[in-house]
């Protein structure tokens, strides 16, 4: 899970806040804000539902709040080859 990633990359992480974490059986809700040493931020939302479906978004932005890159599996951009993962 993402908590393992925080440990693995602790050398580039200035700090982080876990805004939501809840587990029910095999499902979970995880929301976090990760501040990196280079003054950028990673905003994480990752949900695994009881039926096994998953919804996620990872939004990386610079210090001014401008998007650097975003990954999610929202049901848009159906024309991309890696749909729904983009």
PDB file of N, CA and C in Angstrom:
ATOM      1  N   UNK A   1       0.830  -1.187   0.000  1.00  0.00           N
ATOM      2  CA  UNK A   1       0.000   0.000   0.000  1.00  0.00           C
ATOM      3  C   UNK A   1       0.872   1.247   0.000  1.00  0.00           C
ATOM      4  N   UNK A   2       0.264   2.396  -0.123  1.00  0.00           N
ATOM      5  CA  UNK A   2       0.999   3.649  -0.257  1.00  0.00           C
ATOM      6  C   UNK A   2       1.866   3.960   0.961  1.00  0.00           C
ATOM      7  N   UNK A   3       1.487   3.480   2.122  1.00  0.00           N
ATOM      8  CA  UNK A   3       2.301   3.725   3.319  1.00  0.00           C
ATOM      9  C   UNK A   3       3.705   3.144   3.158  1.00  0.00           C
ATOM     10  N   UNK A   4       3.820   2.026   2.467  1.00  0.00           N
ATOM     11  CA  UNK A   4       5.131   1.439   2.187  1.00  0.00           C
ATOM     12  C   UNK A   4       5.956   2.328   1.268  1.00  0.00           C
ATOM     13  N   UNK A   5       5.296   2.988   0.330  1.00  0.00           N
ATOM     14  CA  UNK A   5       5.979   3.902  -0.589  1.00  0.00           C
ATOM     15  C   UNK A   5       6.551   5.088   0.187  1.00  0.00           C
ATOM     16  N   UNK A   6       5.810   5.587   1.165  1.00  0.00           N
ATOM     17  CA  UNK A   6       6.305   6.701   1.985  1.00  0.00           C
ATOM     18  C   UNK A   6       7.599   6.315   2.699  1.00  0.00           C
ATOM     19  N   UNK A   7       7.648   5.111   3.213  1.00  0.00           N
ATOM     20  CA  UNK A   7       8.863   4.629   3.874  1.00  0.00           C
ATOM     21  C   UNK A   7      10.003   4.459   2.878  1.00  0.00           C
ATOM     22  N   UNK A   8       9.690   3.911   1.717  1.00  0.00           N
ATOM     23  CA  UNK A   8      10.719   3.632   0.715  1.00  0.00           C
ATOM     24  C   UNK A   8      11.386   4.910   0.196  1.00  0.00           C
ATOM     25  N   UNK A   9      10.625   5.996   0.082  1.00  0.00           N
ATOM     26  CA  UNK A   9      11.145   7.236  -0.481  1.00  0.00           C
ATOM     27  C   UNK A   9      11.294   8.340   0.563  1.00  0.00           C
ATOM     28  N   UNK A  10      11.521   7.960   1.807  1.00  0.00           N
ATOM     29  CA  UNK A  10      11.618   8.952   2.879  1.00  0.00           C
ATOM     30  C   UNK A  10      12.739   9.968   2.652  1.00  0.00           C
ATOM     31  N   UNK A  11      13.759   9.617   1.867  1.00  0.00           N
ATOM     32  CA  UNK A  11      14.879  10.529   1.631  1.00  0.00           C
ATOM     33  C   UNK A  11      14.504  11.726   0.762  1.00  0.00           C
ATOM     34  N   UNK A  12      13.400  11.658   0.010  1.00  0.00           N
ATOM     35  CA  UNK A  12      12.972  12.805  -0.805  1.00  0.00           C
ATOM     36  C   UNK A  12      11.689  13.443  -0.280  1.00  0.00           C
ATOM     37  N   UNK A  13      11.170  12.955   0.839  1.00  0.00           N
ATOM     38  CA  UNK A  13       9.931  13.475   1.420  1.00  0.00           C
ATOM     39  C   UNK A  13      10.251  14.381   2.602  1.00  0.00           C
ATOM     40  N   UNK A  14       9.803  15.640   2.506  1.00  0.00           N
ATOM     41  CA  UNK A  14       9.987  16.581   3.613  1.00  0.00           C
ATOM     42  C   UNK A  14       9.014  16.255   4.745  1.00  0.00           C
ATOM     43  N   UNK A  15       7.741  16.035   4.399  1.00  0.00           N
ATOM     44  CA  UNK A  15       6.721  15.661   5.375  1.00  0.00           C
ATOM     45  C   UNK A  15       5.479  15.193   4.636  1.00  0.00           C
ATOM     46  N   UNK A  16       4.561  14.625   5.382  1.00  0.00           N
ATOM     47  CA  UNK A  16       3.298  14.213   4.780  1.00  0.00           C
ATOM     48  C   UNK A  16       2.206  14.239   5.829  1.00  0.00           C
ATOM     49  N   UNK A  17       0.980  14.388   5.337  1.00  0.00           N
ATOM     50  CA  UNK A  17      -0.211  14.338   6.178  1.00  0.00           C
ATOM     51  C   UNK A  17      -1.148  13.289   5.606  1.00  0.00           C
ATOM     52  N   UNK A  18      -1.538  12.351   6.429  1.00  0.00           N
ATOM     53  CA  UNK A  18      -2.564  11.393   6.031  1.00  0.00           C
ATOM     54  C   UNK A  18      -3.890  12.012   6.446  1.00  0.00           C
ATOM     55  N   UNK A  19      -4.666  12.421   5.460  1.00  0.00           N
ATOM     56  CA  UNK A  19      -5.907  13.138   5.709  1.00  0.00           C
ATOM     57  C   UNK A  19      -7.078  12.205   5.969  1.00  0.00           C
ATOM     58  N   UNK A  20      -6.985  10.993   5.402  1.00  0.00           N
ATOM     59  CA  UNK A  20      -8.044  10.006   5.623  1.00  0.00           C
ATOM     60  C   UNK A  20      -7.447   8.620   5.440  1.00  0.00           C
ATOM     61  N   UNK A  21      -7.742   7.742   6.358  1.00  0.00           N
ATOM     62  CA  UNK A  21      -7.345   6.343   6.221  1.00  0.00           C
ATOM     63  C   UNK A  21      -8.373   5.496   6.945  1.00  0.00           C
ATOM     64  N   UNK A  22      -9.006   4.629   6.182  1.00  0.00           N
ATOM     65  CA  UNK A  22     -10.039   3.776   6.758  1.00  0.00           C
ATOM     66  C   UNK A  22     -10.013   2.440   6.040  1.00  0.00           C
ATOM     67  N   UNK A  23     -10.044   1.374   6.796  1.00  0.00           N
ATOM     68  CA  UNK A  23     -10.105   0.034   6.220  1.00  0.00           C
ATOM     69  C   UNK A  23     -11.350  -0.673   6.739  1.00  0.00           C
ATOM     70  N   UNK A  24     -12.035  -1.347   5.831  1.00  0.00           N
ATOM     71  CA  UNK A  24     -13.173  -2.192   6.179  1.00  0.00           C
ATOM     72  C   UNK A  24     -12.982  -3.476   5.385  1.00  0.00           C
ATOM     73  N   UNK A  25     -12.648  -4.545   6.064  1.00  0.00           N
ATOM     74  CA  UNK A  25     -12.342  -5.789   5.366  1.00  0.00           C
ATOM     75  C   UNK A  25     -11.162  -5.574   4.440  1.00  0.00           C
ATOM     76  N   UNK A  26     -11.332  -5.941   3.190  1.00  0.00           N
ATOM     77  CA  UNK A  26     -10.268  -5.766   2.196  1.00  0.00           C
ATOM     78  C   UNK A  26     -10.336  -4.402   1.513  1.00  0.00           C
ATOM     79  N   UNK A  27     -11.333  -3.583   1.837  1.00  0.00           N
ATOM     80  CA  UNK A  27     -11.469  -2.281   1.197  1.00  0.00           C
ATOM     81  C   UNK A  27     -10.770  -1.210   2.028  1.00  0.00           C
ATOM     82  N   UNK A  28     -10.442  -0.095   1.360  1.00  0.00           N
ATOM     83  CA  UNK A  28      -9.815   1.019   2.077  1.00  0.00           C
ATOM     84  C   UNK A  28     -10.112   2.345   1.398  1.00  0.00           C
ATOM     85  N   UNK A  29      -9.944   3.397   2.187  1.00  0.00           N
ATOM     86  CA  UNK A  29      -9.986   4.781   1.709  1.00  0.00           C
ATOM     87  C   UNK A  29      -8.708   5.427   2.201  1.00  0.00           C
ATOM     88  N   UNK A  30      -7.952   6.022   1.292  1.00  0.00           N
ATOM     89  CA  UNK A  30      -6.679   6.632   1.651  1.00  0.00           C
ATOM     90  C   UNK A  30      -6.550   7.963   0.933  1.00  0.00           C
ATOM     91  N   UNK A  31      -6.345   9.036   1.701  1.00  0.00           N
ATOM     92  CA  UNK A  31      -6.128  10.370   1.151  1.00  0.00           C
ATOM     93  C   UNK A  31      -4.937  10.968   1.882  1.00  0.00           C
ATOM     94  N   UNK A  32      -3.976  11.511   1.114  1.00  0.00           N
ATOM     95  CA  UNK A  32      -2.772  12.063   1.731  1.00  0.00           C
ATOM     96  C   UNK A  32      -2.229  13.227   0.917  1.00  0.00           C
ATOM     97  N   UNK A  33      -1.469  14.061   1.596  1.00  0.00           N
ATOM     98  CA  UNK A  33      -0.720  15.146   0.962  1.00  0.00           C
ATOM     99  C   UNK A  33       0.746  14.914   1.319  1.00  0.00           C
ATOM    100  N   UNK A  34       1.592  14.809   0.297  1.00  0.00           N
ATOM    101  CA  UNK A  34       3.012  14.533   0.497  1.00  0.00           C
ATOM    102  C   UNK A  34       3.809  15.726  -0.008  1.00  0.00           C
ATOM    103  N   UNK A  35       4.583  16.341   0.866  1.00  0.00           N
ATOM    104  CA  UNK A  35       5.443  17.465   0.501  1.00  0.00           C
ATOM    105  C   UNK A  35       6.858  16.942   0.280  1.00  0.00           C
ATOM    106  N   UNK A  36       7.380  17.192  -0.905  1.00  0.00           N
ATOM    107  CA  UNK A  36       8.703  16.701  -1.254  1.00  0.00           C
ATOM    108  C   UNK A  36       9.771  17.746  -0.959  1.00  0.00           C
ATOM    109  N   UNK A  37      11.008  17.294  -0.869  1.00  0.00           N
ATOM    110  CA  UNK A  37      12.125  18.188  -0.546  1.00  0.00           C
ATOM    111  C   UNK A  37      12.317  19.302  -1.571  1.00  0.00           C
ATOM    112  N   UNK A  38      11.878  19.090  -2.802  1.00  0.00           N
ATOM    113  CA  UNK A  38      12.045  20.113  -3.837  1.00  0.00           C
ATOM    114  C   UNK A  38      10.888  21.112  -3.876  1.00  0.00           C
ATOM    115  N   UNK A  39      10.106  21.172  -2.815  1.00  0.00           N
ATOM    116  CA  UNK A  39       8.981  22.106  -2.646  1.00  0.00           C
ATOM    117  C   UNK A  39       7.758  21.765  -3.497  1.00  0.00           C
ATOM    118  N   UNK A  40       7.709  20.577  -4.108  1.00  0.00           N
ATOM    119  CA  UNK A  40       6.522  20.147  -4.841  1.00  0.00           C
ATOM    120  C   UNK A  40       5.647  19.312  -3.911  1.00  0.00           C
ATOM    121  N   UNK A  41       4.403  19.104  -4.329  1.00  0.00           N
ATOM    122  CA  UNK A  41       3.452  18.350  -3.515  1.00  0.00           C
ATOM    123  C   UNK A  41       2.797  17.261  -4.350  1.00  0.00           C
ATOM    124  N   UNK A  42       2.562  16.136  -3.718  1.00  0.00           N
ATOM    125  CA  UNK A  42       1.821  15.044  -4.329  1.00  0.00           C
ATOM    126  C   UNK A  42       0.538  14.851  -3.525  1.00  0.00           C
ATOM    127  N   UNK A  43      -0.592  14.977  -4.199  1.00  0.00           N
ATOM    128  CA  UNK A  43      -1.896  14.778  -3.573  1.00  0.00           C
ATOM    129  C   UNK A  43      -2.417  13.413  -4.009  1.00  0.00           C
ATOM    130  N   UNK A  44      -2.738  12.570  -3.043  1.00  0.00           N
ATOM    131  CA  UNK A  44      -3.088  11.181  -3.307  1.00  0.00           C
ATOM    132  C   UNK A  44      -4.511  10.891  -2.823  1.00  0.00           C
ATOM    133  N   UNK A  45      -5.293  10.259  -3.685  1.00  0.00           N
ATOM    134  CA  UNK A  45      -6.591   9.694  -3.306  1.00  0.00           C
ATOM    135  C   UNK A  45      -6.614   8.291  -3.879  1.00  0.00           C
ATOM    136  N   UNK A  46      -6.838   7.315  -3.037  1.00  0.00           N
ATOM    137  CA  UNK A  46      -6.831   5.921  -3.478  1.00  0.00           C
ATOM    138  C   UNK A  46      -7.900   5.166  -2.696  1.00  0.00           C
ATOM    139  N   UNK A  47      -8.863   4.608  -3.418  1.00  0.00           N
ATOM    140  CA  UNK A  47      -9.975   3.903  -2.806  1.00  0.00           C
ATOM    141  C   UNK A  47     -10.079   2.505  -3.413  1.00  0.00           C
ATOM    142  N   UNK A  48     -10.194   1.507  -2.576  1.00  0.00           N
ATOM    143  CA  UNK A  48     -10.483   0.147  -3.012  1.00  0.00           C
ATOM    144  C   UNK A  48     -11.817  -0.224  -2.391  1.00  0.00           C
ATOM    145  N   UNK A  49     -12.786  -0.551  -3.239  1.00  0.00           N
ATOM    146  CA  UNK A  49     -14.140  -0.824  -2.779  1.00  0.00           C
ATOM    147  C   UNK A  49     -14.337  -2.308  -2.499  1.00  0.00           C
ATOM    148  N   UNK A  50     -15.379  -2.614  -1.758  1.00  0.00           N
ATOM    149  CA  UNK A  50     -15.652  -4.001  -1.376  1.00  0.00           C
ATOM    150  C   UNK A  50     -15.845  -4.925  -2.574  1.00  0.00           C
ATOM    151  N   UNK A  51     -16.321  -4.385  -3.691  1.00  0.00           N
ATOM    152  CA  UNK A  51     -16.516  -5.223  -4.881  1.00  0.00           C
ATOM    153  C   UNK A  51     -15.226  -5.423  -5.677  1.00  0.00           C
ATOM    154  N   UNK A  52     -14.104  -4.872  -5.173  1.00  0.00           N
ATOM    155  CA  UNK A  52     -12.812  -5.049  -5.831  1.00  0.00           C
ATOM    156  C   UNK A  52     -12.436  -3.951  -6.805  1.00  0.00           C
ATOM    157  N   UNK A  53     -13.370  -3.038  -7.097  1.00  0.00           N
ATOM    158  CA  UNK A  53     -13.029  -1.936  -7.996  1.00  0.00           C
ATOM    159  C   UNK A  53     -12.181  -0.910  -7.248  1.00  0.00           C
ATOM    160  N   UNK A  54     -11.393  -0.179  -8.012  1.00  0.00           N
ATOM    161  CA  UNK A  54     -10.473   0.787  -7.426  1.00  0.00           C
ATOM    162  C   UNK A  54     -10.628   2.128  -8.127  1.00  0.00           C
ATOM    163  N   UNK A  55     -10.535   3.189  -7.365  1.00  0.00           N
ATOM    164  CA  UNK A  55     -10.574   4.552  -7.883  1.00  0.00           C
ATOM    165  C   UNK A  55      -9.371   5.276  -7.305  1.00  0.00           C
ATOM    166  N   UNK A  56      -8.585   5.923  -8.168  1.00  0.00           N
ATOM    167  CA  UNK A  56      -7.412   6.624  -7.658  1.00  0.00           C
ATOM    168  C   UNK A  56      -7.125   7.882  -8.461  1.00  0.00           C
ATOM    169  N   UNK A  57      -6.424   8.804  -7.826  1.00  0.00           N
ATOM    170  CA  UNK A  57      -5.841   9.958  -8.508  1.00  0.00           C
ATOM    171  C   UNK A  57      -4.591  10.364  -7.742  1.00  0.00           C
ATOM    172  N   UNK A  58      -3.561  10.656  -8.512  1.00  0.00           N
ATOM    173  CA  UNK A  58      -2.299  11.162  -7.982  1.00  0.00           C
ATOM    174  C   UNK A  58      -2.022  12.454  -8.722  1.00  0.00           C
ATOM    175  N   UNK A  59      -1.961  13.542  -8.003  1.00  0.00           N
ATOM    176  CA  UNK A  59      -1.799  14.878  -8.588  1.00  0.00           C
ATOM    177  C   UNK A  59      -0.516  15.482  -8.033  1.00  0.00           C
ATOM    178  N   UNK A  60       0.465  15.709  -8.904  1.00  0.00           N
ATOM    179  CA  UNK A  60       1.757  16.274  -8.499  1.00  0.00           C
ATOM    180  C   UNK A  60       1.799  17.710  -8.977  1.00  0.00           C
ATOM    181  N   UNK A  61       2.083  18.626  -8.063  1.00  0.00           N
ATOM    182  CA  UNK A  61       2.078  20.045  -8.418  1.00  0.00           C
ATOM    183  C   UNK A  61       3.302  20.754  -7.875  1.00  0.00           C
ATOM    184  N   UNK A  62       3.627  21.893  -8.527  1.00  0.00           N
ATOM    185  CA  UNK A  62       4.762  22.682  -8.066  1.00  0.00           C
ATOM    186  C   UNK A  62       4.369  23.551  -6.878  1.00  0.00           C
ATOM    187  N   UNK A  63       5.311  24.337  -6.385  1.00  0.00           N
ATOM    188  CA  UNK A  63       5.080  25.154  -5.183  1.00  0.00           C
ATOM    189  C   UNK A  63       3.988  26.204  -5.386  1.00  0.00           C
ATOM    190  N   UNK A  64       3.741  26.594  -6.641  1.00  0.00           N
ATOM    191  CA  UNK A  64       2.698  27.580  -6.938  1.00  0.00           C
ATOM    192  C   UNK A  64       1.338  26.940  -7.203  1.00  0.00           C
ATOM    193  N   UNK A  65       1.262  25.624  -7.118  1.00  0.00           N
ATOM    194  CA  UNK A  65      -0.009  24.931  -7.323  1.00  0.00           C
ATOM    195  C   UNK A  65      -0.283  24.528  -8.758  1.00  0.00           C
ATOM    196  N   UNK A  66       0.705  24.693  -9.643  1.00  0.00           N
ATOM    197  CA  UNK A  66       0.540  24.306 -11.041  1.00  0.00           C
ATOM    198  C   UNK A  66       0.776  22.803 -11.203  1.00  0.00           C
ATOM    199  N   UNK A  67      -0.087  22.175 -11.971  1.00  0.00           N
ATOM    200  CA  UNK A  67       0.009  20.731 -12.179  1.00  0.00           C
ATOM    201  C   UNK A  67       1.268  20.375 -12.968  1.00  0.00           C
ATOM    202  N   UNK A  68       2.057  19.445 -12.436  1.00  0.00           N
ATOM    203  CA  UNK A  68       3.207  18.897 -13.154  1.00  0.00           C
ATOM    204  C   UNK A  68       2.745  17.692 -13.956  1.00  0.00           C
ATOM    205  N   UNK A  69       2.075  16.779 -13.281  1.00  0.00           N
ATOM    206  CA  UNK A  69       1.493  15.608 -13.937  1.00  0.00           C
ATOM    207  C   UNK A  69       0.403  15.043 -13.033  1.00  0.00           C
ATOM    208  N   UNK A  70      -0.542  14.352 -13.659  1.00  0.00           N
ATOM    209  CA  UNK A  70      -1.640  13.759 -12.899  1.00  0.00           C
ATOM    210  C   UNK A  70      -1.915  12.375 -13.478  1.00  0.00           C
ATOM    211  N   UNK A  71      -2.131  11.424 -12.578  1.00  0.00           N
ATOM    212  CA  UNK A  71      -2.498  10.065 -12.969  1.00  0.00           C
ATOM    213  C   UNK A  71      -3.823   9.744 -12.297  1.00  0.00           C
ATOM    214  N   UNK A  72      -4.754   9.175 -13.038  1.00  0.00           N
ATOM    215  CA  UNK A  72      -6.014   8.753 -12.430  1.00  0.00           C
ATOM    216  C   UNK A  72      -6.670   7.709 -13.319  1.00  0.00           C
ATOM    217  N   UNK A  73      -7.716   7.102 -12.819  1.00  0.00           N
ATOM    218  CA  UNK A  73      -8.480   6.151 -13.620  1.00  0.00           C
ATOM    219  C   UNK A  73      -9.938   6.580 -13.739  1.00  0.00           C
ATOM    220  N   UNK A  74     -10.159   7.899 -13.770  1.00  0.00           N
ATOM    221  CA  UNK A  74     -11.510   8.424 -13.972  1.00  0.00           C
ATOM    222  C   UNK A  74     -11.984   8.041 -15.376  1.00  0.00           C
ATOM    223  N   UNK A  75     -13.289   7.834 -15.548  1.00  0.00           N
ATOM    224  CA  UNK A  75     -13.803   7.342 -16.838  1.00  0.00           C
ATOM    225  C   UNK A  75     -13.937   8.433 -17.904  1.00  0.00           C
ATOM    226  N   UNK A  76     -12.847   9.117 -18.186  1.00  0.00           N
ATOM    227  CA  UNK A  76     -12.823  10.065 -19.295  1.00  0.00           C
ATOM    228  C   UNK A  76     -11.594   9.769 -20.139  1.00  0.00           C
ATOM    229  N   UNK A  77     -11.412  10.437 -21.222  1.00  0.00           N
ATOM    230  CA  UNK A  77     -10.297  10.184 -22.147  1.00  0.00           C
ATOM    231  C   UNK A  77     -10.305   8.735 -22.622  1.00  0.00           C
ATOM    232  N   UNK A  78     -11.465   8.269 -23.040  1.00  0.00           N
ATOM    233  CA  UNK A  78     -11.604   6.876 -23.444  1.00  0.00           C
ATOM    234  C   UNK A  78     -10.809   6.539 -24.694  1.00  0.00           C
ATOM    235  N   UNK A  79     -10.343   7.534 -25.424  1.00  0.00           N
ATOM    236  CA  UNK A  79      -9.589   7.288 -26.648  1.00  0.00           C
ATOM    237  C   UNK A  79      -8.117   6.973 -26.434  1.00  0.00           C
ATOM    238  N   UNK A  80      -7.609   7.131 -25.230  1.00  0.00           N
ATOM    239  CA  UNK A  80      -6.191   6.841 -25.010  1.00  0.00           C
ATOM    240  C   UNK A  80      -5.969   5.341 -24.922  1.00  0.00           C
ATOM    241  N   UNK A  81      -4.792   4.900 -25.354  1.00  0.00           N
ATOM    242  CA  UNK A  81      -4.525   3.463 -25.440  1.00  0.00           C
ATOM    243  C   UNK A  81      -4.485   2.778 -24.081  1.00  0.00           C
ATOM    244  N   UNK A  82      -4.163   3.517 -23.027  1.00  0.00           N
ATOM    245  CA  UNK A  82      -4.075   2.900 -21.702  1.00  0.00           C
ATOM    246  C   UNK A  82      -5.327   3.158 -20.851  1.00  0.00           C
ATOM    247  N   UNK A  83      -6.449   3.506 -21.503  1.00  0.00           N
ATOM    248  CA  UNK A  83      -7.708   3.729 -20.795  1.00  0.00           C
ATOM    249  C   UNK A  83      -8.059   2.488 -19.977  1.00  0.00           C
ATOM    250  N   UNK A  84      -8.526   2.602 -18.730  1.00  0.00           N
ATOM    251  CA  UNK A  84      -8.864   3.844 -18.034  1.00  0.00           C
ATOM    252  C   UNK A  84      -7.712   4.421 -17.232  1.00  0.00           C
ATOM    253  N   UNK A  85      -6.531   3.885 -17.387  1.00  0.00           N
ATOM    254  CA  UNK A  85      -5.377   4.349 -16.604  1.00  0.00           C
ATOM    255  C   UNK A  85      -4.629   5.399 -17.387  1.00  0.00           C
ATOM    256  N   UNK A  86      -4.634   6.625 -16.923  1.00  0.00           N
ATOM    257  CA  UNK A  86      -3.972   7.718 -17.622  1.00  0.00           C
ATOM    258  C   UNK A  86      -3.507   8.779 -16.645  1.00  0.00           C
TER     259      UNK A  86
END
